[in-house]
């Protein structure tokens, strides 16, 4: 089996040490206990513009805006798993994070098949489920298995550090990390024995011809 499994975690909060970070720290501890290498990148406090659909990435192999997105693409390619975490704003993920993910997934053309994905939402009260569903769509369009937990991957807190009191939320994060580790290890073993699933040539069908 492949040694030194790697996970890239993207924190979409503008607060590097906020409640979203508490959720990721719970996961990081479990990953490290299981020998998984972890790197966390904070995105929410950076100036990240959205995709302009210029198509330059198909010529250059990277996004035309040479910023943190291109830096993360290299880390993402080397990773066995990706965790995307966001605070909830208006029942949605942080707009900076979404701009980053749109460009990251669209401009990086390496095969993402069977990299394990997990999304995490952090809210004061509501909107976690909508944000969770929104983030999972990046995985499901990319052939990435989605890791689950004992509950939807959410944690609650408003004031700084308040998520520490959400015992169920923190346990959900630990369970998520254990399940994700199991999936990554199982996929690594499966690749050795069976390889990746066979792929057909893509058939793009437009609604308007």
N, C-alpha and C. Protein backbone atom coordinates (compact mmCIF):
# COMPACT_ATOMS: atom_id res chain seq x y z
N UNK A 1 0.84 -1.20 0.00
CA UNK A 1 0.00 0.00 0.00
C UNK A 1 0.87 1.25 0.00
N UNK A 2 0.37 2.30 -0.60
CA UNK A 2 1.12 3.55 -0.64
C UNK A 2 1.40 4.05 0.77
N UNK A 3 2.62 4.48 0.99
CA UNK A 3 2.98 5.06 2.28
C UNK A 3 2.76 6.57 2.25
N UNK A 4 2.68 7.15 3.44
CA UNK A 4 2.57 8.61 3.58
C UNK A 4 1.37 9.18 2.82
N UNK A 5 0.19 8.73 3.20
CA UNK A 5 -1.02 9.32 2.64
C UNK A 5 -1.06 10.80 3.03
N UNK A 6 -1.60 11.61 2.12
CA UNK A 6 -1.62 13.06 2.34
C UNK A 6 -3.03 13.62 2.21
N UNK A 7 -3.33 14.55 3.07
CA UNK A 7 -4.62 15.26 3.02
C UNK A 7 -4.35 16.76 2.96
N UNK A 8 -5.02 17.43 2.03
CA UNK A 8 -5.00 18.88 1.97
C UNK A 8 -6.31 19.39 2.56
N UNK A 9 -6.22 20.29 3.52
CA UNK A 9 -7.42 20.88 4.11
C UNK A 9 -7.47 22.37 3.78
N UNK A 10 -8.60 22.81 3.26
CA UNK A 10 -8.79 24.21 2.89
C UNK A 10 -9.77 24.85 3.87
N UNK A 11 -9.30 25.84 4.58
CA UNK A 11 -10.13 26.58 5.54
C UNK A 11 -10.65 27.84 4.86
N UNK A 12 -11.95 27.88 4.61
CA UNK A 12 -12.54 29.01 3.92
C UNK A 12 -12.90 30.18 4.81
N UNK A 13 -12.57 30.10 6.08
CA UNK A 13 -12.90 31.19 7.00
C UNK A 13 -11.86 32.29 6.92
N UNK A 14 -12.26 33.56 7.07
CA UNK A 14 -11.29 34.64 7.14
C UNK A 14 -10.57 34.68 8.48
N UNK A 15 -11.03 33.87 9.42
CA UNK A 15 -10.42 33.82 10.76
C UNK A 15 -9.63 32.52 10.87
N UNK A 16 -8.32 32.65 10.79
CA UNK A 16 -7.46 31.46 10.77
C UNK A 16 -7.61 30.59 12.01
N UNK A 17 -8.00 31.19 13.13
CA UNK A 17 -8.14 30.44 14.38
C UNK A 17 -9.57 30.50 14.92
N UNK A 18 -10.52 30.58 14.01
CA UNK A 18 -11.93 30.66 14.40
C UNK A 18 -12.55 29.29 14.63
N UNK A 19 -13.88 29.26 14.60
CA UNK A 19 -14.60 28.02 14.88
C UNK A 19 -14.43 26.98 13.79
N UNK A 20 -14.27 27.42 12.54
CA UNK A 20 -14.03 26.47 11.46
C UNK A 20 -12.70 25.75 11.69
N UNK A 21 -11.71 26.49 12.18
CA UNK A 21 -10.41 25.90 12.47
C UNK A 21 -10.50 24.86 13.59
N UNK A 22 -11.42 25.06 14.52
CA UNK A 22 -11.59 24.08 15.60
C UNK A 22 -12.04 22.74 15.03
N UNK A 23 -12.95 22.79 14.07
CA UNK A 23 -13.40 21.56 13.41
C UNK A 23 -12.25 20.86 12.70
N UNK A 24 -11.46 21.64 11.97
CA UNK A 24 -10.33 21.06 11.23
C UNK A 24 -9.26 20.51 12.17
N UNK A 25 -9.09 21.14 13.32
CA UNK A 25 -8.09 20.66 14.27
C UNK A 25 -8.46 19.29 14.80
N UNK A 26 -9.75 19.07 15.03
CA UNK A 26 -10.21 17.74 15.47
C UNK A 26 -9.84 16.69 14.43
N UNK A 27 -10.04 17.03 13.16
CA UNK A 27 -9.72 16.10 12.09
C UNK A 27 -8.21 15.90 11.97
N UNK A 28 -7.48 16.98 12.06
CA UNK A 28 -6.02 16.91 11.93
C UNK A 28 -5.42 15.97 12.97
N UNK A 29 -5.91 16.03 14.20
CA UNK A 29 -5.38 15.18 15.25
C UNK A 29 -5.57 13.70 14.92
N UNK A 30 -6.74 13.36 14.38
CA UNK A 30 -7.02 11.97 14.02
C UNK A 30 -6.15 11.53 12.85
N UNK A 31 -6.02 12.40 11.86
CA UNK A 31 -5.17 12.07 10.71
C UNK A 31 -3.75 11.75 11.17
N UNK A 32 -3.22 12.61 12.01
CA UNK A 32 -1.84 12.43 12.46
C UNK A 32 -1.68 11.16 13.30
N UNK A 33 -2.69 10.85 14.10
CA UNK A 33 -2.66 9.61 14.88
C UNK A 33 -2.56 8.39 13.97
N UNK A 34 -3.11 8.52 12.76
CA UNK A 34 -3.15 7.41 11.81
C UNK A 34 -2.06 7.51 10.74
N UNK A 35 -1.08 8.39 10.99
CA UNK A 35 0.06 8.49 10.08
C UNK A 35 -0.22 9.20 8.78
N UNK A 36 -1.29 9.99 8.72
CA UNK A 36 -1.63 10.73 7.51
C UNK A 36 -1.03 12.13 7.59
N UNK A 37 -0.32 12.52 6.56
CA UNK A 37 0.29 13.85 6.50
C UNK A 37 -0.79 14.89 6.17
N UNK A 38 -0.79 15.99 6.90
CA UNK A 38 -1.84 17.01 6.74
C UNK A 38 -1.23 18.38 6.49
N UNK A 39 -1.83 19.11 5.55
CA UNK A 39 -1.48 20.51 5.35
C UNK A 39 -2.77 21.31 5.26
N UNK A 40 -2.84 22.41 6.00
CA UNK A 40 -4.02 23.27 5.99
C UNK A 40 -3.67 24.61 5.36
N UNK A 41 -4.52 25.05 4.43
CA UNK A 41 -4.35 26.35 3.78
C UNK A 41 -5.57 27.20 4.11
N UNK A 42 -5.34 28.39 4.63
CA UNK A 42 -6.42 29.33 4.96
C UNK A 42 -6.68 30.22 3.75
N UNK A 43 -7.90 30.21 3.27
CA UNK A 43 -8.26 30.93 2.04
C UNK A 43 -9.10 32.18 2.32
N UNK A 44 -9.94 32.10 3.35
CA UNK A 44 -10.93 33.16 3.57
C UNK A 44 -10.37 34.54 3.81
N UNK A 45 -9.09 34.65 4.19
CA UNK A 45 -8.49 35.97 4.45
C UNK A 45 -7.63 36.45 3.28
N UNK A 46 -7.76 35.79 2.11
CA UNK A 46 -6.96 36.17 0.95
C UNK A 46 -7.84 36.81 -0.12
N UNK A 47 -7.20 37.60 -0.98
CA UNK A 47 -7.92 38.22 -2.10
C UNK A 47 -7.90 37.25 -3.27
N UNK A 48 -9.00 36.56 -3.47
CA UNK A 48 -9.11 35.57 -4.55
C UNK A 48 -10.26 35.97 -5.46
N UNK A 49 -9.95 36.27 -6.72
CA UNK A 49 -11.00 36.65 -7.64
C UNK A 49 -11.62 35.43 -8.29
N UNK A 50 -12.79 35.59 -8.85
CA UNK A 50 -13.50 34.47 -9.46
C UNK A 50 -13.00 34.15 -10.86
N UNK A 51 -13.47 33.01 -11.37
CA UNK A 51 -13.14 32.58 -12.73
C UNK A 51 -13.80 33.52 -13.74
N UNK A 52 -13.06 33.85 -14.81
CA UNK A 52 -13.61 34.71 -15.86
C UNK A 52 -13.85 33.93 -17.16
N UNK A 53 -13.76 32.61 -17.08
CA UNK A 53 -14.05 31.73 -18.23
C UNK A 53 -13.23 32.11 -19.46
N UNK A 54 -11.95 32.41 -19.26
CA UNK A 54 -11.11 32.82 -20.38
C UNK A 54 -10.54 31.63 -21.15
N UNK A 55 -10.53 30.46 -20.51
CA UNK A 55 -10.02 29.25 -21.16
C UNK A 55 -8.51 29.15 -21.23
N UNK A 56 -7.79 30.10 -20.64
CA UNK A 56 -6.33 30.08 -20.70
C UNK A 56 -5.73 28.86 -20.02
N UNK A 57 -6.44 28.29 -19.05
CA UNK A 57 -5.90 27.14 -18.33
C UNK A 57 -5.72 25.94 -19.26
N UNK A 58 -6.48 25.89 -20.36
CA UNK A 58 -6.32 24.78 -21.29
C UNK A 58 -5.06 24.94 -22.15
N UNK A 59 -4.57 26.16 -22.23
CA UNK A 59 -3.32 26.40 -22.96
C UNK A 59 -2.11 26.37 -22.02
N UNK A 60 -2.27 26.97 -20.84
CA UNK A 60 -1.15 27.13 -19.92
C UNK A 60 -1.02 25.99 -18.91
N UNK A 61 -2.09 25.22 -18.72
CA UNK A 61 -2.07 24.17 -17.72
C UNK A 61 -2.25 24.67 -16.31
N UNK A 62 -2.56 25.94 -16.16
CA UNK A 62 -2.84 26.52 -14.85
C UNK A 62 -3.69 27.77 -15.06
N UNK A 63 -4.22 28.31 -13.97
CA UNK A 63 -5.06 29.49 -14.05
C UNK A 63 -4.25 30.71 -14.47
N UNK A 64 -4.88 31.58 -15.26
CA UNK A 64 -4.20 32.79 -15.74
C UNK A 64 -3.87 33.73 -14.59
N UNK A 65 -4.63 33.67 -13.49
CA UNK A 65 -4.35 34.47 -12.30
C UNK A 65 -3.42 33.66 -11.40
N UNK A 66 -2.15 34.03 -11.38
CA UNK A 66 -1.14 33.22 -10.69
C UNK A 66 -1.10 33.58 -9.21
N UNK A 67 -2.00 32.98 -8.46
CA UNK A 67 -2.08 33.28 -7.03
C UNK A 67 -2.14 31.98 -6.24
N UNK A 68 -2.77 32.00 -5.08
CA UNK A 68 -2.81 30.84 -4.20
C UNK A 68 -3.51 29.65 -4.84
N UNK A 69 -4.39 29.90 -5.81
CA UNK A 69 -5.09 28.79 -6.46
C UNK A 69 -4.11 27.88 -7.18
N UNK A 70 -3.17 28.47 -7.92
CA UNK A 70 -2.16 27.65 -8.61
C UNK A 70 -1.24 26.95 -7.62
N UNK A 71 -0.97 27.60 -6.50
CA UNK A 71 -0.16 26.96 -5.47
C UNK A 71 -0.87 25.74 -4.90
N UNK A 72 -2.17 25.87 -4.67
CA UNK A 72 -2.93 24.76 -4.11
C UNK A 72 -3.13 23.63 -5.11
N UNK A 73 -3.16 23.95 -6.40
CA UNK A 73 -3.35 22.91 -7.41
C UNK A 73 -2.26 21.86 -7.31
N UNK A 74 -1.03 22.29 -7.09
CA UNK A 74 0.09 21.35 -6.95
C UNK A 74 -0.09 20.49 -5.71
N UNK A 75 -0.53 21.10 -4.62
CA UNK A 75 -0.75 20.36 -3.37
C UNK A 75 -1.92 19.38 -3.52
N UNK A 76 -2.97 19.83 -4.20
CA UNK A 76 -4.14 19.00 -4.44
C UNK A 76 -3.78 17.77 -5.27
N UNK A 77 -2.97 17.97 -6.29
CA UNK A 77 -2.58 16.85 -7.16
C UNK A 77 -1.82 15.78 -6.37
N UNK A 78 -1.01 16.21 -5.42
CA UNK A 78 -0.20 15.27 -4.64
C UNK A 78 -0.98 14.63 -3.49
N UNK A 79 -2.16 15.15 -3.20
CA UNK A 79 -2.93 14.67 -2.05
C UNK A 79 -3.79 13.46 -2.39
N UNK A 80 -4.06 12.66 -1.37
CA UNK A 80 -4.97 11.52 -1.49
C UNK A 80 -6.38 11.91 -1.07
N UNK A 81 -6.48 13.01 -0.33
CA UNK A 81 -7.78 13.46 0.13
C UNK A 81 -7.82 14.97 0.25
N UNK A 82 -9.03 15.52 0.14
CA UNK A 82 -9.23 16.97 0.24
C UNK A 82 -10.38 17.26 1.18
N UNK A 83 -10.13 18.12 2.16
CA UNK A 83 -11.18 18.58 3.07
C UNK A 83 -11.43 20.06 2.79
N UNK A 84 -12.69 20.40 2.56
CA UNK A 84 -13.08 21.79 2.33
C UNK A 84 -13.98 22.21 3.48
N UNK A 85 -13.59 23.26 4.20
CA UNK A 85 -14.37 23.71 5.35
C UNK A 85 -14.73 25.19 5.20
N UNK A 86 -15.96 25.51 5.56
CA UNK A 86 -16.41 26.90 5.39
C UNK A 86 -17.34 27.33 6.51
N UNK A 87 -17.24 28.60 6.92
CA UNK A 87 -18.30 29.17 7.75
C UNK A 87 -19.53 29.39 6.86
N UNK A 88 -20.67 29.51 7.48
CA UNK A 88 -21.92 29.70 6.72
C UNK A 88 -22.28 31.17 6.67
N UNK A 89 -22.41 31.69 5.45
CA UNK A 89 -22.87 33.06 5.23
C UNK A 89 -24.13 33.00 4.38
N UNK A 90 -25.26 33.46 4.93
CA UNK A 90 -26.52 33.45 4.18
C UNK A 90 -26.82 32.07 3.60
N UNK A 91 -26.71 31.04 4.46
CA UNK A 91 -26.98 29.65 4.08
C UNK A 91 -26.12 29.19 2.91
N UNK A 92 -24.91 29.73 2.84
CA UNK A 92 -24.00 29.39 1.75
C UNK A 92 -22.56 29.47 2.25
N UNK A 93 -21.65 28.93 1.45
CA UNK A 93 -20.24 28.99 1.81
C UNK A 93 -19.68 30.39 1.58
N UNK A 94 -18.57 30.68 2.21
CA UNK A 94 -17.85 31.95 2.02
C UNK A 94 -17.58 32.17 0.53
N UNK A 95 -17.91 33.34 0.01
CA UNK A 95 -17.76 33.62 -1.42
C UNK A 95 -16.31 33.52 -1.87
N UNK A 96 -15.37 33.88 -1.01
CA UNK A 96 -13.95 33.76 -1.36
C UNK A 96 -13.58 32.30 -1.60
N UNK A 97 -14.08 31.43 -0.74
CA UNK A 97 -13.81 30.00 -0.89
C UNK A 97 -14.40 29.47 -2.19
N UNK A 98 -15.62 29.87 -2.51
CA UNK A 98 -16.26 29.40 -3.74
C UNK A 98 -15.50 29.87 -4.97
N UNK A 99 -15.04 31.12 -4.96
CA UNK A 99 -14.23 31.62 -6.08
C UNK A 99 -12.97 30.79 -6.23
N UNK A 100 -12.36 30.45 -5.10
CA UNK A 100 -11.15 29.64 -5.10
C UNK A 100 -11.43 28.25 -5.66
N UNK A 101 -12.48 27.61 -5.19
CA UNK A 101 -12.79 26.24 -5.62
C UNK A 101 -13.19 26.18 -7.09
N UNK A 102 -13.96 27.17 -7.55
CA UNK A 102 -14.32 27.20 -8.97
C UNK A 102 -13.07 27.18 -9.84
N UNK A 103 -12.12 28.02 -9.50
CA UNK A 103 -10.89 28.10 -10.30
C UNK A 103 -10.00 26.89 -10.09
N UNK A 104 -9.92 26.40 -8.85
CA UNK A 104 -9.06 25.26 -8.55
C UNK A 104 -9.51 24.02 -9.32
N UNK A 105 -10.79 23.72 -9.28
CA UNK A 105 -11.27 22.51 -9.93
C UNK A 105 -11.32 22.66 -11.45
N UNK A 106 -11.60 23.85 -11.94
CA UNK A 106 -11.71 24.03 -13.38
C UNK A 106 -10.35 24.11 -14.06
N UNK A 107 -9.40 24.76 -13.42
CA UNK A 107 -8.10 24.99 -14.07
C UNK A 107 -7.10 23.85 -13.87
N UNK A 108 -7.32 22.99 -12.90
CA UNK A 108 -6.41 21.87 -12.66
C UNK A 108 -6.92 20.65 -13.43
N UNK A 109 -6.15 20.21 -14.40
CA UNK A 109 -6.63 19.18 -15.32
C UNK A 109 -6.11 17.79 -15.00
N UNK A 110 -5.46 17.61 -13.85
CA UNK A 110 -5.02 16.28 -13.47
C UNK A 110 -6.24 15.43 -13.06
N UNK A 111 -6.07 14.12 -13.10
CA UNK A 111 -7.16 13.20 -12.80
C UNK A 111 -7.42 13.17 -11.28
N UNK A 112 -8.61 13.54 -10.89
CA UNK A 112 -8.98 13.58 -9.48
C UNK A 112 -9.72 12.32 -9.04
N UNK A 113 -9.86 11.36 -9.95
CA UNK A 113 -10.60 10.15 -9.66
C UNK A 113 -10.07 9.44 -8.42
N UNK A 114 -10.96 9.12 -7.51
CA UNK A 114 -10.69 8.36 -6.30
C UNK A 114 -9.87 9.10 -5.24
N UNK A 115 -9.64 10.40 -5.42
CA UNK A 115 -9.18 11.19 -4.29
C UNK A 115 -10.40 11.37 -3.38
N UNK A 116 -10.24 11.20 -2.10
CA UNK A 116 -11.39 11.25 -1.18
C UNK A 116 -11.67 12.69 -0.78
N UNK A 117 -12.93 13.09 -0.86
CA UNK A 117 -13.31 14.45 -0.49
C UNK A 117 -14.22 14.48 0.73
N UNK A 118 -14.12 15.55 1.49
CA UNK A 118 -15.01 15.76 2.64
C UNK A 118 -15.24 17.25 2.80
N UNK A 119 -16.48 17.63 3.05
CA UNK A 119 -16.79 19.03 3.28
C UNK A 119 -17.28 19.21 4.71
N UNK A 120 -17.02 20.41 5.25
CA UNK A 120 -17.37 20.74 6.63
C UNK A 120 -17.99 22.13 6.65
N UNK A 121 -19.09 22.27 7.37
CA UNK A 121 -19.75 23.57 7.49
C UNK A 121 -19.82 23.98 8.96
N UNK A 122 -19.61 25.26 9.21
CA UNK A 122 -19.65 25.80 10.57
C UNK A 122 -20.61 26.98 10.61
N UNK A 123 -21.61 26.93 11.50
CA UNK A 123 -22.60 28.00 11.55
C UNK A 123 -22.98 28.33 12.99
N UNK A 124 -23.52 29.53 13.15
CA UNK A 124 -24.09 29.89 14.45
C UNK A 124 -25.31 29.03 14.74
N UNK A 125 -26.16 28.89 13.67
CA UNK A 125 -27.40 28.14 13.88
C UNK A 125 -27.82 27.36 12.64
N UNK A 126 -28.26 28.04 11.56
CA UNK A 126 -28.79 27.36 10.39
C UNK A 126 -27.91 27.53 9.16
N UNK A 127 -28.24 26.77 8.11
CA UNK A 127 -27.55 26.89 6.84
C UNK A 127 -26.45 25.87 6.61
N UNK A 128 -26.20 25.02 7.60
CA UNK A 128 -25.11 24.04 7.44
C UNK A 128 -25.41 23.04 6.34
N UNK A 129 -26.64 22.54 6.29
CA UNK A 129 -26.97 21.52 5.29
C UNK A 129 -26.84 22.05 3.87
N UNK A 130 -27.30 23.29 3.65
CA UNK A 130 -27.19 23.88 2.31
C UNK A 130 -25.74 24.07 1.91
N UNK A 131 -24.92 24.51 2.85
CA UNK A 131 -23.49 24.71 2.58
C UNK A 131 -22.79 23.38 2.34
N UNK A 132 -23.14 22.39 3.13
CA UNK A 132 -22.60 21.03 2.98
C UNK A 132 -22.88 20.49 1.58
N UNK A 133 -24.13 20.63 1.14
CA UNK A 133 -24.51 20.16 -0.20
C UNK A 133 -23.76 20.93 -1.29
N UNK A 134 -23.63 22.23 -1.10
CA UNK A 134 -22.94 23.08 -2.08
C UNK A 134 -21.49 22.64 -2.27
N UNK A 135 -20.80 22.37 -1.19
CA UNK A 135 -19.39 22.02 -1.26
C UNK A 135 -19.18 20.61 -1.83
N UNK A 136 -20.10 19.70 -1.54
CA UNK A 136 -19.96 18.33 -2.04
C UNK A 136 -20.03 18.24 -3.56
N UNK A 137 -20.62 19.22 -4.20
CA UNK A 137 -20.77 19.17 -5.66
C UNK A 137 -19.42 19.21 -6.38
N UNK A 138 -18.42 19.81 -5.76
CA UNK A 138 -17.09 19.83 -6.38
C UNK A 138 -16.52 18.41 -6.46
N UNK A 139 -16.81 17.61 -5.46
CA UNK A 139 -16.30 16.23 -5.46
C UNK A 139 -17.04 15.36 -6.45
N UNK A 140 -18.36 15.49 -6.44
CA UNK A 140 -19.17 14.55 -7.21
C UNK A 140 -19.10 14.77 -8.72
N UNK A 141 -18.59 15.91 -9.16
CA UNK A 141 -18.38 16.13 -10.59
C UNK A 141 -16.98 15.69 -11.01
N UNK A 142 -16.17 15.28 -10.03
CA UNK A 142 -14.75 14.99 -10.29
C UNK A 142 -14.37 13.53 -10.06
N UNK A 143 -15.34 12.66 -9.86
CA UNK A 143 -15.02 11.26 -9.62
C UNK A 143 -14.39 11.01 -8.27
N UNK A 144 -14.67 11.88 -7.31
CA UNK A 144 -14.08 11.76 -5.97
C UNK A 144 -15.10 11.17 -4.99
N UNK A 145 -14.79 10.04 -4.34
CA UNK A 145 -15.69 9.52 -3.31
C UNK A 145 -15.83 10.53 -2.17
N UNK A 146 -17.03 10.63 -1.63
CA UNK A 146 -17.30 11.59 -0.57
C UNK A 146 -17.35 10.87 0.78
N UNK A 147 -16.53 11.32 1.71
CA UNK A 147 -16.49 10.71 3.04
C UNK A 147 -17.64 11.24 3.90
N UNK A 148 -18.23 10.34 4.66
CA UNK A 148 -19.33 10.72 5.55
C UNK A 148 -18.94 10.49 7.00
N UNK A 149 -19.80 10.92 7.91
CA UNK A 149 -19.55 10.76 9.33
C UNK A 149 -20.77 10.14 9.99
N UNK A 150 -20.95 10.40 11.28
CA UNK A 150 -22.12 9.88 12.00
C UNK A 150 -23.30 10.83 11.89
N UNK A 151 -23.06 12.00 11.34
CA UNK A 151 -24.07 13.04 11.14
C UNK A 151 -23.56 13.89 10.00
N UNK A 152 -24.39 14.81 9.49
CA UNK A 152 -23.87 15.73 8.47
C UNK A 152 -22.68 16.48 9.05
N UNK A 153 -21.70 16.75 8.21
CA UNK A 153 -20.42 17.27 8.69
C UNK A 153 -20.52 18.75 9.07
N UNK A 154 -21.07 19.00 10.23
CA UNK A 154 -21.27 20.38 10.67
C UNK A 154 -20.89 20.55 12.14
N UNK A 155 -20.55 21.78 12.47
CA UNK A 155 -20.22 22.15 13.84
C UNK A 155 -20.78 23.55 14.08
N UNK A 156 -21.12 23.85 15.31
CA UNK A 156 -21.79 25.13 15.59
C UNK A 156 -21.01 25.99 16.57
N UNK A 157 -21.04 27.28 16.29
CA UNK A 157 -20.40 28.26 17.16
C UNK A 157 -20.49 29.64 16.53
N UNK A 158 -20.67 30.65 17.34
CA UNK A 158 -20.73 32.03 16.86
C UNK A 158 -19.54 32.83 17.39
N UNK A 159 -19.48 32.99 18.70
CA UNK A 159 -18.36 33.71 19.30
C UNK A 159 -17.07 32.90 19.12
N UNK A 160 -15.94 33.57 19.03
CA UNK A 160 -14.67 32.86 18.85
C UNK A 160 -14.46 31.76 19.89
N UNK A 161 -14.16 30.56 19.44
CA UNK A 161 -13.91 29.44 20.34
C UNK A 161 -15.15 28.71 20.81
N UNK A 162 -16.33 29.20 20.43
CA UNK A 162 -17.57 28.61 20.92
C UNK A 162 -17.77 27.17 20.43
N UNK A 163 -17.22 26.85 19.26
CA UNK A 163 -17.37 25.50 18.71
C UNK A 163 -16.73 24.45 19.61
N UNK A 164 -15.83 24.86 20.50
CA UNK A 164 -15.23 23.92 21.44
C UNK A 164 -16.30 23.28 22.33
N UNK A 165 -17.42 23.98 22.52
CA UNK A 165 -18.49 23.48 23.38
C UNK A 165 -19.43 22.53 22.64
N UNK A 166 -19.32 22.46 21.32
CA UNK A 166 -20.19 21.57 20.54
C UNK A 166 -19.58 20.17 20.54
N UNK A 167 -19.87 19.41 21.57
CA UNK A 167 -19.26 18.08 21.72
C UNK A 167 -19.66 17.14 20.58
N UNK A 168 -20.93 17.20 20.17
CA UNK A 168 -21.36 16.32 19.08
C UNK A 168 -20.70 16.73 17.77
N UNK A 169 -20.60 18.03 17.55
CA UNK A 169 -19.95 18.50 16.33
C UNK A 169 -18.49 18.08 16.27
N UNK A 170 -17.79 18.20 17.38
CA UNK A 170 -16.37 17.80 17.41
C UNK A 170 -16.23 16.29 17.21
N UNK A 171 -17.14 15.52 17.81
CA UNK A 171 -17.10 14.07 17.61
C UNK A 171 -17.39 13.72 16.15
N UNK A 172 -18.30 14.46 15.54
CA UNK A 172 -18.60 14.25 14.11
C UNK A 172 -17.35 14.45 13.27
N UNK A 173 -16.54 15.44 13.62
CA UNK A 173 -15.30 15.69 12.88
C UNK A 173 -14.30 14.55 13.07
N UNK A 174 -14.20 14.05 14.27
CA UNK A 174 -13.25 12.95 14.52
C UNK A 174 -13.68 11.69 13.77
N UNK A 175 -14.97 11.41 13.80
CA UNK A 175 -15.49 10.26 13.06
C UNK A 175 -15.27 10.43 11.56
N UNK A 176 -15.47 11.63 11.08
CA UNK A 176 -15.25 11.92 9.66
C UNK A 176 -13.80 11.64 9.27
N UNK A 177 -12.86 12.07 10.10
CA UNK A 177 -11.45 11.86 9.80
C UNK A 177 -11.10 10.37 9.81
N UNK A 178 -11.68 9.63 10.75
CA UNK A 178 -11.42 8.18 10.79
C UNK A 178 -11.98 7.50 9.55
N UNK A 179 -13.20 7.87 9.17
CA UNK A 179 -13.81 7.27 7.98
C UNK A 179 -13.04 7.64 6.71
N UNK A 180 -12.58 8.87 6.66
CA UNK A 180 -11.82 9.33 5.50
C UNK A 180 -10.49 8.59 5.41
N UNK A 181 -9.85 8.38 6.55
CA UNK A 181 -8.60 7.63 6.58
C UNK A 181 -8.80 6.21 6.09
N UNK A 182 -9.88 5.58 6.55
CA UNK A 182 -10.19 4.22 6.11
C UNK A 182 -10.41 4.17 4.59
N UNK A 183 -11.14 5.13 4.07
CA UNK A 183 -11.39 5.17 2.62
C UNK A 183 -10.10 5.35 1.84
N UNK A 184 -9.26 6.27 2.26
CA UNK A 184 -8.00 6.51 1.56
C UNK A 184 -7.11 5.28 1.56
N UNK A 185 -7.04 4.61 2.72
CA UNK A 185 -6.21 3.41 2.81
C UNK A 185 -6.79 2.29 1.94
N UNK A 186 -8.12 2.16 1.95
CA UNK A 186 -8.76 1.12 1.16
C UNK A 186 -8.57 1.37 -0.33
N UNK A 187 -8.68 2.62 -0.74
CA UNK A 187 -8.50 2.97 -2.15
C UNK A 187 -7.05 2.74 -2.58
N UNK A 188 -6.11 3.06 -1.69
CA UNK A 188 -4.70 2.83 -2.01
C UNK A 188 -4.44 1.35 -2.24
N UNK A 189 -5.05 0.49 -1.41
CA UNK A 189 -4.92 -0.95 -1.59
C UNK A 189 -5.59 -1.40 -2.88
N UNK A 190 -6.77 -0.85 -3.14
CA UNK A 190 -7.50 -1.21 -4.35
C UNK A 190 -6.77 -0.82 -5.62
N UNK A 191 -6.11 0.33 -5.59
CA UNK A 191 -5.34 0.76 -6.76
C UNK A 191 -4.22 -0.23 -7.07
N UNK A 192 -3.58 -0.73 -6.01
CA UNK A 192 -2.48 -1.67 -6.21
C UNK A 192 -2.97 -2.95 -6.88
N UNK A 193 -4.15 -3.41 -6.47
CA UNK A 193 -4.64 -4.70 -6.97
C UNK A 193 -5.46 -4.57 -8.26
N UNK A 194 -6.27 -3.52 -8.34
CA UNK A 194 -7.20 -3.41 -9.46
C UNK A 194 -6.96 -2.21 -10.37
N UNK A 195 -6.19 -1.23 -9.91
CA UNK A 195 -6.03 0.00 -10.67
C UNK A 195 -7.26 0.87 -10.54
N UNK A 196 -7.30 1.95 -11.32
CA UNK A 196 -8.45 2.85 -11.30
C UNK A 196 -9.55 2.32 -12.22
N UNK A 197 -10.80 2.73 -12.02
CA UNK A 197 -11.89 2.28 -12.89
C UNK A 197 -11.64 2.69 -14.34
N UNK A 198 -12.10 1.85 -15.25
CA UNK A 198 -11.99 2.17 -16.67
C UNK A 198 -12.81 3.41 -16.99
N UNK A 199 -12.27 4.26 -17.88
CA UNK A 199 -12.97 5.49 -18.25
C UNK A 199 -13.36 5.47 -19.72
N UNK A 200 -14.57 5.86 -19.99
CA UNK A 200 -15.00 6.05 -21.37
C UNK A 200 -14.64 7.46 -21.82
N UNK A 201 -14.55 7.63 -23.13
CA UNK A 201 -14.37 8.99 -23.66
C UNK A 201 -15.61 9.80 -23.31
N UNK A 202 -15.39 11.02 -22.86
CA UNK A 202 -16.50 11.85 -22.41
C UNK A 202 -17.41 12.23 -23.57
N UNK A 203 -18.71 12.19 -23.32
CA UNK A 203 -19.70 12.57 -24.33
C UNK A 203 -20.38 13.85 -23.85
N UNK A 204 -19.92 15.01 -24.32
CA UNK A 204 -20.55 16.27 -23.90
C UNK A 204 -21.81 16.55 -24.72
N UNK A 205 -22.93 16.64 -24.04
CA UNK A 205 -24.19 16.89 -24.72
C UNK A 205 -24.74 18.24 -24.28
N UNK A 206 -24.83 19.16 -25.21
CA UNK A 206 -25.38 20.48 -24.91
C UNK A 206 -26.90 20.47 -25.03
N UNK A 207 -27.55 21.30 -24.25
CA UNK A 207 -29.01 21.37 -24.32
C UNK A 207 -29.45 22.13 -25.57
N UNK A 208 -28.62 23.08 -26.00
CA UNK A 208 -28.95 23.85 -27.21
C UNK A 208 -27.93 23.51 -28.26
N UNK A 209 -28.39 23.12 -29.46
CA UNK A 209 -27.48 22.72 -30.52
C UNK A 209 -27.52 23.73 -31.66
